[in-house]
Amino acid sequence: MLHGIIAADNSLTPRERQFLLDIASGHEPQASSPRPQLLRQMEVAKILGVSRVTVWRMTKDSILRPVEILPGTIRYPLGEVEELAKKGLMGALTSRRKYTSDTPA
């Protein structure tokens, strides 16, 4: 009966459906570690090849826009970090300077 309910549930993705069917059948579900969509500051630093201080400065300069998940706890969207990594840090810094070039140094 449980298999029928799981198979008929349209709100499940195929991956979720298979996971539940494996559990219902008594099989050990495959351990898959999906990539997190929100990253910690240290993970961002590792992806970009910079220090945590540089990530903090990029946040302060609005190059990176974190999400506050709890008061005082921020995470960085994976897509934004990947886009920045593709663009390269110099490209990001150059585009940031275009917006702030009218302010005196």
PDB file of N, CA and C in Angstrom:
ATOM      1  N   MET A   1       0.827  -1.190   0.000  1.00  0.00           N
ATOM      2  CA  MET A   1       0.000   0.000   0.000  1.00  0.00           C
ATOM      3  C   MET A   1       0.880   1.266   0.000  1.00  0.00           C
ATOM      4  N   LEU A   2       1.955   1.245   0.773  1.00  0.00           N
ATOM      5  CA  LEU A   2       2.849   2.396   0.846  1.00  0.00           C
ATOM      6  C   LEU A   2       3.478   2.695  -0.518  1.00  0.00           C
ATOM      7  N   HIS A   3       3.831   1.641  -1.245  1.00  0.00           N
ATOM      8  CA  HIS A   3       4.401   1.833  -2.585  1.00  0.00           C
ATOM      9  C   HIS A   3       3.427   2.564  -3.503  1.00  0.00           C
ATOM     10  N   GLY A   4       2.138   2.226  -3.406  1.00  0.00           N
ATOM     11  CA  GLY A   4       1.117   2.880  -4.223  1.00  0.00           C
ATOM     12  C   GLY A   4       0.977   4.355  -3.898  1.00  0.00           C
ATOM     13  N   ILE A   5       1.037   4.678  -2.616  1.00  0.00           N
ATOM     14  CA  ILE A   5       0.925   6.075  -2.185  1.00  0.00           C
ATOM     15  C   ILE A   5       2.119   6.878  -2.691  1.00  0.00           C
ATOM     16  N   ILE A   6       3.308   6.307  -2.541  1.00  0.00           N
ATOM     17  CA  ILE A   6       4.519   7.004  -2.992  1.00  0.00           C
ATOM     18  C   ILE A   6       4.492   7.191  -4.500  1.00  0.00           C
ATOM     19  N   ALA A   7       4.095   6.163  -5.229  1.00  0.00           N
ATOM     20  CA  ALA A   7       4.057   6.236  -6.696  1.00  0.00           C
ATOM     21  C   ALA A   7       3.028   7.249  -7.190  1.00  0.00           C
ATOM     22  N   ALA A   8       1.938   7.428  -6.440  1.00  0.00           N
ATOM     23  CA  ALA A   8       0.867   8.327  -6.875  1.00  0.00           C
ATOM     24  C   ALA A   8       1.081   9.778  -6.450  1.00  0.00           C
ATOM     25  N   ASP A   9       2.014  10.023  -5.571  1.00  0.00           N
ATOM     26  CA  ASP A   9       2.233  11.378  -5.061  1.00  0.00           C
ATOM     27  C   ASP A   9       2.942  12.220  -6.118  1.00  0.00           C
ATOM     28  N   ASN A  10       2.231  13.170  -6.701  1.00  0.00           N
ATOM     29  CA  ASN A  10       2.783  14.017  -7.764  1.00  0.00           C
ATOM     30  C   ASN A  10       3.677  15.133  -7.243  1.00  0.00           C
ATOM     31  N   SER A  11       3.690  15.333  -5.939  1.00  0.00           N
ATOM     32  CA  SER A  11       4.523  16.406  -5.394  1.00  0.00           C
ATOM     33  C   SER A  11       5.981  15.985  -5.246  1.00  0.00           C
ATOM     34  N   LEU A  12       6.281  14.700  -5.407  1.00  0.00           N
ATOM     35  CA  LEU A  12       7.648  14.209  -5.262  1.00  0.00           C
ATOM     36  C   LEU A  12       8.420  14.305  -6.568  1.00  0.00           C
ATOM     37  N   THR A  13       9.677  14.634  -6.448  1.00  0.00           N
ATOM     38  CA  THR A  13      10.553  14.578  -7.620  1.00  0.00           C
ATOM     39  C   THR A  13      10.921  13.112  -7.850  1.00  0.00           C
ATOM     40  N   PRO A  14      11.364  12.753  -9.052  1.00  0.00           N
ATOM     41  CA  PRO A  14      11.764  11.357  -9.283  1.00  0.00           C
ATOM     42  C   PRO A  14      12.826  10.878  -8.292  1.00  0.00           C
ATOM     43  N   ARG A  15      13.742  11.743  -7.934  1.00  0.00           N
ATOM     44  CA  ARG A  15      14.792  11.370  -6.990  1.00  0.00           C
ATOM     45  C   ARG A  15      14.219  11.099  -5.599  1.00  0.00           C
ATOM     46  N   GLU A  16      13.309  11.969  -5.149  1.00  0.00           N
ATOM     47  CA  GLU A  16      12.667  11.767  -3.851  1.00  0.00           C
ATOM     48  C   GLU A  16      11.830  10.498  -3.851  1.00  0.00           C
ATOM     49  N   ARG A  17      11.101  10.281  -4.948  1.00  0.00           N
ATOM     50  CA  ARG A  17      10.258   9.086  -5.067  1.00  0.00           C
ATOM     51  C   ARG A  17      11.114   7.821  -4.954  1.00  0.00           C
ATOM     52  N   GLN A  18      12.227   7.779  -5.664  1.00  0.00           N
ATOM     53  CA  GLN A  18      13.093   6.604  -5.628  1.00  0.00           C
ATOM     54  C   GLN A  18      13.674   6.402  -4.238  1.00  0.00           C
ATOM     55  N   PHE A  19      14.044   7.467  -3.583  1.00  0.00           N
ATOM     56  CA  PHE A  19      14.578   7.396  -2.222  1.00  0.00           C
ATOM     57  C   PHE A  19      13.558   6.765  -1.281  1.00  0.00           C
ATOM     58  N   LEU A  20      12.309   7.225  -1.345  1.00  0.00           N
ATOM     59  CA  LEU A  20      11.261   6.690  -0.480  1.00  0.00           C
ATOM     60  C   LEU A  20      10.921   5.246  -0.818  1.00  0.00           C
ATOM     61  N   LEU A  21      10.911   4.912  -2.100  1.00  0.00           N
ATOM     62  CA  LEU A  21      10.650   3.529  -2.493  1.00  0.00           C
ATOM     63  C   LEU A  21      11.747   2.602  -1.993  1.00  0.00           C
ATOM     64  N   ASP A  22      12.989   3.056  -2.035  1.00  0.00           N
ATOM     65  CA  ASP A  22      14.098   2.249  -1.506  1.00  0.00           C
ATOM     66  C   ASP A  22      13.917   1.995  -0.014  1.00  0.00           C
ATOM     67  N   ILE A  23      13.549   3.016   0.720  1.00  0.00           N
ATOM     68  CA  ILE A  23      13.345   2.860   2.158  1.00  0.00           C
ATOM     69  C   ILE A  23      12.173   1.926   2.433  1.00  0.00           C
ATOM     70  N   ALA A  24      11.065   2.115   1.704  1.00  0.00           N
ATOM     71  CA  ALA A  24       9.880   1.280   1.908  1.00  0.00           C
ATOM     72  C   ALA A  24      10.149  -0.180   1.562  1.00  0.00           C
ATOM     73  N   SER A  25      11.061  -0.430   0.637  1.00  0.00           N
ATOM     74  CA  SER A  25      11.387  -1.797   0.238  1.00  0.00           C
ATOM     75  C   SER A  25      12.405  -2.443   1.164  1.00  0.00           C
ATOM     76  N   GLY A  26      12.926  -1.677   2.108  1.00  0.00           N
ATOM     77  CA  GLY A  26      13.910  -2.217   3.020  1.00  0.00           C
ATOM     78  C   GLY A  26      15.332  -2.136   2.499  1.00  0.00           C
ATOM     79  N   HIS A  27      15.531  -1.483   1.384  1.00  0.00           N
ATOM     80  CA  HIS A  27      16.870  -1.314   0.835  1.00  0.00           C
ATOM     81  C   HIS A  27      17.551  -0.106   1.472  1.00  0.00           C
ATOM     82  N   GLU A  28      18.833  -0.196   1.545  1.00  0.00           N
ATOM     83  CA  GLU A  28      19.623   0.935   2.037  1.00  0.00           C
ATOM     84  C   GLU A  28      19.623   2.008   0.951  1.00  0.00           C
ATOM     85  N   PRO A  29      19.106   3.203   1.221  1.00  0.00           N
ATOM     86  CA  PRO A  29      19.127   4.240   0.187  1.00  0.00           C
ATOM     87  C   PRO A  29      20.557   4.622  -0.158  1.00  0.00           C
ATOM     88  N   GLN A  30      20.758   4.950  -1.420  1.00  0.00           N
ATOM     89  CA  GLN A  30      22.086   5.353  -1.858  1.00  0.00           C
ATOM     90  C   GLN A  30      22.447   6.665  -1.194  1.00  0.00           C
ATOM     91  N   ALA A  31      23.636   6.682  -0.640  1.00  0.00           N
ATOM     92  CA  ALA A  31      24.104   7.900   0.021  1.00  0.00           C
ATOM     93  C   ALA A  31      24.548   8.884  -1.032  1.00  0.00           C
ATOM     94  N   SER A  32      23.738   9.858  -1.252  1.00  0.00           N
ATOM     95  CA  SER A  32      24.104  10.905  -2.198  1.00  0.00           C
ATOM     96  C   SER A  32      24.204  12.195  -1.413  1.00  0.00           C
ATOM     97  N   SER A  33      25.269  12.882  -1.641  1.00  0.00           N
ATOM     98  CA  SER A  33      25.437  14.145  -0.941  1.00  0.00           C
ATOM     99  C   SER A  33      25.214  15.278  -1.928  1.00  0.00           C
ATOM    100  N   PRO A  34      23.987  15.794  -1.967  1.00  0.00           N
ATOM    101  CA  PRO A  34      23.718  16.892  -2.880  1.00  0.00           C
ATOM    102  C   PRO A  34      24.528  18.119  -2.473  1.00  0.00           C
ATOM    103  N   ARG A  35      24.914  18.866  -3.451  1.00  0.00           N
ATOM    104  CA  ARG A  35      25.704  20.059  -3.187  1.00  0.00           C
ATOM    105  C   ARG A  35      24.824  21.105  -2.517  1.00  0.00           C
ATOM    106  N   PRO A  36      25.282  21.677  -1.419  1.00  0.00           N
ATOM    107  CA  PRO A  36      24.453  22.667  -0.734  1.00  0.00           C
ATOM    108  C   PRO A  36      24.249  23.904  -1.599  1.00  0.00           C
ATOM    109  N   GLN A  37      23.088  24.493  -1.482  1.00  0.00           N
ATOM    110  CA  GLN A  37      22.770  25.686  -2.262  1.00  0.00           C
ATOM    111  C   GLN A  37      23.229  26.958  -1.570  1.00  0.00           C
ATOM    112  N   LEU A  38      23.474  26.884  -0.280  1.00  0.00           N
ATOM    113  CA  LEU A  38      23.985  28.025   0.476  1.00  0.00           C
ATOM    114  C   LEU A  38      25.316  27.625   1.097  1.00  0.00           C
ATOM    115  N   LEU A  39      26.311  28.457   0.911  1.00  0.00           N
ATOM    116  CA  LEU A  39      27.668  28.134   1.330  1.00  0.00           C
ATOM    117  C   LEU A  39      28.111  28.994   2.500  1.00  0.00           C
ATOM    118  N   ARG A  40      28.980  28.444   3.323  1.00  0.00           N
ATOM    119  CA  ARG A  40      29.599  29.183   4.413  1.00  0.00           C
ATOM    120  C   ARG A  40      30.744  30.022   3.855  1.00  0.00           C
ATOM    121  N   GLN A  41      31.172  30.988   4.638  1.00  0.00           N
ATOM    122  CA  GLN A  41      32.225  31.901   4.203  1.00  0.00           C
ATOM    123  C   GLN A  41      33.502  31.147   3.831  1.00  0.00           C
ATOM    124  N   MET A  42      33.873  30.142   4.606  1.00  0.00           N
ATOM    125  CA  MET A  42      35.092  29.379   4.343  1.00  0.00           C
ATOM    126  C   MET A  42      34.985  28.607   3.025  1.00  0.00           C
ATOM    127  N   GLU A  43      33.789  28.077   2.726  1.00  0.00           N
ATOM    128  CA  GLU A  43      33.583  27.354   1.467  1.00  0.00           C
ATOM    129  C   GLU A  43      33.701  28.304   0.283  1.00  0.00           C
ATOM    130  N   VAL A  44      33.174  29.508   0.433  1.00  0.00           N
ATOM    131  CA  VAL A  44      33.276  30.518  -0.622  1.00  0.00           C
ATOM    132  C   VAL A  44      34.739  30.876  -0.858  1.00  0.00           C
ATOM    133  N   ALA A  45      35.469  31.064   0.233  1.00  0.00           N
ATOM    134  CA  ALA A  45      36.888  31.405   0.127  1.00  0.00           C
ATOM    135  C   ALA A  45      37.650  30.311  -0.614  1.00  0.00           C
ATOM    136  N   LYS A  46      37.329  29.070  -0.337  1.00  0.00           N
ATOM    137  CA  LYS A  46      38.007  27.947  -0.986  1.00  0.00           C
ATOM    138  C   LYS A  46      37.686  27.903  -2.478  1.00  0.00           C
ATOM    139  N   ILE A  47      36.434  28.094  -2.829  1.00  0.00           N
ATOM    140  CA  ILE A  47      36.017  28.069  -4.243  1.00  0.00           C
ATOM    141  C   ILE A  47      36.686  29.197  -5.019  1.00  0.00           C
ATOM    142  N   LEU A  48      36.741  30.383  -4.425  1.00  0.00           N
ATOM    143  CA  LEU A  48      37.309  31.536  -5.116  1.00  0.00           C
ATOM    144  C   LEU A  48      38.830  31.617  -4.989  1.00  0.00           C
ATOM    145  N   GLY A  49      39.395  30.819  -4.100  1.00  0.00           N
ATOM    146  CA  GLY A  49      40.843  30.834  -3.916  1.00  0.00           C
ATOM    147  C   GLY A  49      41.342  32.088  -3.226  1.00  0.00           C
ATOM    148  N   VAL A  50      40.559  32.557  -2.260  1.00  0.00           N
ATOM    149  CA  VAL A  50      40.920  33.758  -1.511  1.00  0.00           C
ATOM    150  C   VAL A  50      40.807  33.457  -0.017  1.00  0.00           C
ATOM    151  N   SER A  51      41.154  34.426   0.808  1.00  0.00           N
ATOM    152  CA  SER A  51      41.031  34.251   2.254  1.00  0.00           C
ATOM    153  C   SER A  51      39.612  34.606   2.711  1.00  0.00           C
ATOM    154  N   ARG A  52      39.303  34.231   3.941  1.00  0.00           N
ATOM    155  CA  ARG A  52      38.005  34.585   4.516  1.00  0.00           C
ATOM    156  C   ARG A  52      37.871  36.092   4.658  1.00  0.00           C
ATOM    157  N   VAL A  53      38.973  36.767   4.924  1.00  0.00           N
ATOM    158  CA  VAL A  53      38.947  38.225   5.048  1.00  0.00           C
ATOM    159  C   VAL A  53      38.543  38.849   3.714  1.00  0.00           C
ATOM    160  N   THR A  54      39.055  38.295   2.612  1.00  0.00           N
ATOM    161  CA  THR A  54      38.700  38.808   1.291  1.00  0.00           C
ATOM    162  C   THR A  54      37.215  38.598   1.016  1.00  0.00           C
ATOM    163  N   VAL A  55      36.675  37.453   1.422  1.00  0.00           N
ATOM    164  CA  VAL A  55      35.233  37.210   1.259  1.00  0.00           C
ATOM    165  C   VAL A  55      34.451  38.232   2.068  1.00  0.00           C
ATOM    166  N   TRP A  56      34.894  38.504   3.279  1.00  0.00           N
ATOM    167  CA  TRP A  56      34.232  39.507   4.112  1.00  0.00           C
ATOM    168  C   TRP A  56      34.267  40.878   3.436  1.00  0.00           C
ATOM    169  N   ARG A  57      35.431  41.245   2.877  1.00  0.00           N
ATOM    170  CA  ARG A  57      35.550  42.544   2.194  1.00  0.00           C
ATOM    171  C   ARG A  57      34.664  42.592   0.959  1.00  0.00           C
ATOM    172  N   MET A  58      34.587  41.482   0.224  1.00  0.00           N
ATOM    173  CA  MET A  58      33.725  41.432  -0.958  1.00  0.00           C
ATOM    174  C   MET A  58      32.263  41.576  -0.553  1.00  0.00           C
ATOM    175  N   THR A  59      31.908  41.050   0.611  1.00  0.00           N
ATOM    176  CA  THR A  59      30.549  41.208   1.125  1.00  0.00           C
ATOM    177  C   THR A  59      30.306  42.662   1.497  1.00  0.00           C
ATOM    178  N   LYS A  60      31.260  43.258   2.187  1.00  0.00           N
ATOM    179  CA  LYS A  60      31.158  44.657   2.606  1.00  0.00           C
ATOM    180  C   LYS A  60      31.037  45.585   1.399  1.00  0.00           C
ATOM    181  N   ASP A  61      31.738  45.254   0.303  1.00  0.00           N
ATOM    182  CA  ASP A  61      31.715  46.066  -0.912  1.00  0.00           C
ATOM    183  C   ASP A  61      30.575  45.688  -1.858  1.00  0.00           C
ATOM    184  N   SER A  62      29.680  44.824  -1.417  1.00  0.00           N
ATOM    185  CA  SER A  62      28.504  44.382  -2.191  1.00  0.00           C
ATOM    186  C   SER A  62      28.863  43.622  -3.460  1.00  0.00           C
ATOM    187  N   ILE A  63      30.028  43.028  -3.502  1.00  0.00           N
ATOM    188  CA  ILE A  63      30.378  42.155  -4.623  1.00  0.00           C
ATOM    189  C   ILE A  63      29.677  40.820  -4.422  1.00  0.00           C
ATOM    190  N   LEU A  64      29.623  40.375  -3.181  1.00  0.00           N
ATOM    191  CA  LEU A  64      28.859  39.192  -2.807  1.00  0.00           C
ATOM    192  C   LEU A  64      27.682  39.648  -1.957  1.00  0.00           C
ATOM    193  N   ARG A  65      26.533  39.029  -2.182  1.00  0.00           N
ATOM    194  CA  ARG A  65      25.340  39.377  -1.420  1.00  0.00           C
ATOM    195  C   ARG A  65      24.854  38.136  -0.666  1.00  0.00           C
ATOM    196  N   PRO A  66      25.218  38.026   0.609  1.00  0.00           N
ATOM    197  CA  PRO A  66      24.823  36.845   1.367  1.00  0.00           C
ATOM    198  C   PRO A  66      23.355  36.885   1.780  1.00  0.00           C
ATOM    199  N   VAL A  67      22.887  35.732   2.220  1.00  0.00           N
ATOM    200  CA  VAL A  67      21.532  35.581   2.739  1.00  0.00           C
ATOM    201  C   VAL A  67      21.657  35.365   4.241  1.00  0.00           C
ATOM    202  N   GLU A  68      20.900  36.106   5.013  1.00  0.00           N
ATOM    203  CA  GLU A  68      20.931  35.928   6.463  1.00  0.00           C
ATOM    204  C   GLU A  68      19.886  34.881   6.829  1.00  0.00           C
ATOM    205  N   ILE A  69      20.350  33.697   7.262  1.00  0.00           N
ATOM    206  CA  ILE A  69      19.409  32.619   7.575  1.00  0.00           C
ATOM    207  C   ILE A  69      18.943  32.667   9.029  1.00  0.00           C
ATOM    208  N   LEU A  70      19.749  33.198   9.885  1.00  0.00           N
ATOM    209  CA  LEU A  70      19.417  33.487  11.282  1.00  0.00           C
ATOM    210  C   LEU A  70      20.117  34.793  11.625  1.00  0.00           C
ATOM    211  N   PRO A  71      19.666  35.502  12.649  1.00  0.00           N
ATOM    212  CA  PRO A  71      20.370  36.733  13.004  1.00  0.00           C
ATOM    213  C   PRO A  71      21.860  36.461  13.256  1.00  0.00           C
ATOM    214  N   GLY A  72      22.690  37.130  12.499  1.00  0.00           N
ATOM    215  CA  GLY A  72      24.129  36.968  12.636  1.00  0.00           C
ATOM    216  C   GLY A  72      24.715  35.775  11.904  1.00  0.00           C
ATOM    217  N   THR A  73      23.886  34.978  11.223  1.00  0.00           N
ATOM    218  CA  THR A  73      24.348  33.808  10.479  1.00  0.00           C
ATOM    219  C   THR A  73      24.049  34.018   9.004  1.00  0.00           C
ATOM    220  N   ILE A  74      25.110  34.130   8.209  1.00  0.00           N
ATOM    221  CA  ILE A  74      24.910  34.377   6.786  1.00  0.00           C
ATOM    222  C   ILE A  74      25.458  33.220   5.969  1.00  0.00           C
ATOM    223  N   ARG A  75      24.883  33.044   4.797  1.00  0.00           N
ATOM    224  CA  ARG A  75      25.337  32.056   3.824  1.00  0.00           C
ATOM    225  C   ARG A  75      25.328  32.728   2.454  1.00  0.00           C
ATOM    226  N   TYR A  76      26.117  32.180   1.565  1.00  0.00           N
ATOM    227  CA  TYR A  76      26.258  32.740   0.228  1.00  0.00           C
ATOM    228  C   TYR A  76      25.617  31.811  -0.797  1.00  0.00           C
ATOM    229  N   PRO A  77      24.779  32.339  -1.691  1.00  0.00           N
ATOM    230  CA  PRO A  77      24.151  31.495  -2.704  1.00  0.00           C
ATOM    231  C   PRO A  77      25.191  30.875  -3.640  1.00  0.00           C
ATOM    232  N   LEU A  78      25.078  29.572  -3.856  1.00  0.00           N
ATOM    233  CA  LEU A  78      26.018  28.834  -4.686  1.00  0.00           C
ATOM    234  C   LEU A  78      26.088  29.418  -6.098  1.00  0.00           C
ATOM    235  N   GLY A  79      24.949  29.733  -6.677  1.00  0.00           N
ATOM    236  CA  GLY A  79      24.927  30.267  -8.043  1.00  0.00           C
ATOM    237  C   GLY A  79      25.708  31.556  -8.178  1.00  0.00           C
ATOM    238  N   GLU A  80      25.575  32.419  -7.204  1.00  0.00           N
ATOM    239  CA  GLU A  80      26.288  33.694  -7.233  1.00  0.00           C
ATOM    240  C   GLU A  80      27.800  33.485  -7.124  1.00  0.00           C
ATOM    241  N   VAL A  81      28.199  32.554  -6.260  1.00  0.00           N
ATOM    242  CA  VAL A  81      29.623  32.267  -6.086  1.00  0.00           C
ATOM    243  C   VAL A  81      30.190  31.632  -7.354  1.00  0.00           C
ATOM    244  N   GLU A  82      29.446  30.710  -7.961  1.00  0.00           N
ATOM    245  CA  GLU A  82      29.902  30.083  -9.210  1.00  0.00           C
ATOM    246  C   GLU A  82      30.020  31.102 -10.327  1.00  0.00           C
ATOM    247  N   GLU A  83      29.068  32.022 -10.388  1.00  0.00           N
ATOM    248  CA  GLU A  83      29.111  33.077 -11.412  1.00  0.00           C
ATOM    249  C   GLU A  83      30.334  33.962 -11.222  1.00  0.00           C
ATOM    250  N   LEU A  84      30.611  34.305  -9.988  1.00  0.00           N
ATOM    251  CA  LEU A  84      31.783  35.117  -9.685  1.00  0.00           C
ATOM    252  C   LEU A  84      33.064  34.369 -10.025  1.00  0.00           C
ATOM    253  N   ALA A  85      33.091  33.077  -9.745  1.00  0.00           N
ATOM    254  CA  ALA A  85      34.270  32.271 -10.063  1.00  0.00           C
ATOM    255  C   ALA A  85      34.494  32.207 -11.576  1.00  0.00           C
ATOM    256  N   LYS A  86      33.408  32.109 -12.344  1.00  0.00           N
ATOM    257  CA  LYS A  86      33.518  32.090 -13.811  1.00  0.00           C
ATOM    258  C   LYS A  86      34.013  33.432 -14.339  1.00  0.00           C
ATOM    259  N   LYS A  87      33.446  34.499 -13.776  1.00  0.00           N
ATOM    260  CA  LYS A  87      33.796  35.843 -14.221  1.00  0.00           C
ATOM    261  C   LYS A  87      35.227  36.187 -13.828  1.00  0.00           C
ATOM    262  N   GLY A  88      35.658  35.650 -12.710  1.00  0.00           N
ATOM    263  CA  GLY A  88      36.988  35.955 -12.198  1.00  0.00           C
ATOM    264  C   GLY A  88      36.926  37.132 -11.252  1.00  0.00           C
ATOM    265  N   LEU A  89      37.812  37.136 -10.308  1.00  0.00           N
ATOM    266  CA  LEU A  89      37.799  38.200  -9.303  1.00  0.00           C
ATOM    267  C   LEU A  89      38.109  39.560  -9.893  1.00  0.00           C
ATOM    268  N   MET A  90      39.031  39.620 -10.834  1.00  0.00           N
ATOM    269  CA  MET A  90      39.378  40.914 -11.413  1.00  0.00           C
ATOM    270  C   MET A  90      38.189  41.506 -12.156  1.00  0.00           C
ATOM    271  N   GLY A  91      37.428  40.678 -12.844  1.00  0.00           N
ATOM    272  CA  GLY A  91      36.231  41.160 -13.535  1.00  0.00           C
ATOM    273  C   GLY A  91      35.210  41.712 -12.559  1.00  0.00           C
ATOM    274  N   ALA A  92      35.045  41.044 -11.443  1.00  0.00           N
ATOM    275  CA  ALA A  92      34.096  41.500 -10.426  1.00  0.00           C
ATOM    276  C   ALA A  92      34.556  42.809  -9.804  1.00  0.00           C
ATOM    277  N   LEU A  93      35.838  42.894  -9.504  1.00  0.00           N
ATOM    278  CA  LEU A  93      36.357  44.114  -8.896  1.00  0.00           C
ATOM    279  C   LEU A  93      36.297  45.280  -9.868  1.00  0.00           C
ATOM    280  N   THR A  94      36.574  45.022 -11.147  1.00  0.00           N
ATOM    281  CA  THR A  94      36.504  46.064 -12.167  1.00  0.00           C
ATOM    282  C   THR A  94      35.081  46.579 -12.321  1.00  0.00           C
ATOM    283  N   SER A  95      34.107  45.660 -12.384  1.00  0.00           N
ATOM    284  CA  SER A  95      32.721  46.101 -12.532  1.00  0.00           C
ATOM    285  C   SER A  95      32.265  46.848 -11.288  1.00  0.00           C
ATOM    286  N   ARG A  96      32.756  46.487 -10.125  1.00  0.00           N
ATOM    287  CA  ARG A  96      32.414  47.193  -8.886  1.00  0.00           C
ATOM    288  C   ARG A  96      32.986  48.598  -8.917  1.00  0.00           C
ATOM    289  N   ARG A  97      34.191  48.757  -9.423  1.00  0.00           N
ATOM    290  CA  ARG A  97      34.823  50.082  -9.465  1.00  0.00           C
ATOM    291  C   ARG A  97      34.084  51.021 -10.419  1.00  0.00           C
ATOM    292  N   LYS A  98      33.456  50.478 -11.451  1.00  0.00           N
ATOM    293  CA  LYS A  98      32.689  51.318 -12.378  1.00  0.00           C
ATOM    294  C   LYS A  98      31.567  52.030 -11.639  1.00  0.00           C
ATOM    295  N   TYR A  99      30.944  51.328 -10.681  1.00  0.00           N
ATOM    296  CA  TYR A  99      29.834  51.907  -9.955  1.00  0.00           C
ATOM    297  C   TYR A  99      30.287  52.906  -8.904  1.00  0.00           C
ATOM    298  N   THR A 100      31.511  52.741  -8.416  1.00  0.00           N
ATOM    299  CA  THR A 100      31.982  53.615  -7.351  1.00  0.00           C
ATOM    300  C   THR A 100      33.024  54.610  -7.833  1.00  0.00           C
ATOM    301  N   SER A 101      33.243  54.707  -9.148  1.00  0.00           N
ATOM    302  CA  SER A 101      34.316  55.567  -9.657  1.00  0.00           C
ATOM    303  C   SER A 101      34.026  57.060  -9.460  1.00  0.00           C
ATOM    304  N   ASP A 102      32.753  57.408  -9.248  1.00  0.00           N
ATOM    305  CA  ASP A 102      32.436  58.820  -9.094  1.00  0.00           C
ATOM    306  C   ASP A 102      32.641  59.295  -7.649  1.00  0.00           C
ATOM    307  N   THR A 103      32.932  58.377  -6.726  1.00  0.00           N
ATOM    308  CA  THR A 103      33.184  58.796  -5.362  1.00  0.00           C
ATOM    309  C   THR A 103      34.659  59.125  -5.204  1.00  0.00           C
ATOM    310  N   PRO A 104      34.985  60.188  -4.469  1.00  0.00           N
ATOM    311  CA  PRO A 104      36.397  60.543  -4.302  1.00  0.00           C
ATOM    312  C   PRO A 104      37.155  59.507  -3.495  1.00  0.00           C
ATOM    313  N   ALA A 105      38.438  59.365  -3.812  1.00  0.00           N
ATOM    314  CA  ALA A 105      39.261  58.366  -3.137  1.00  0.00           C
ATOM    315  C   ALA A 105      39.832  58.898  -1.850  1.00  0.00           C
TER     316      ALA A 105
END
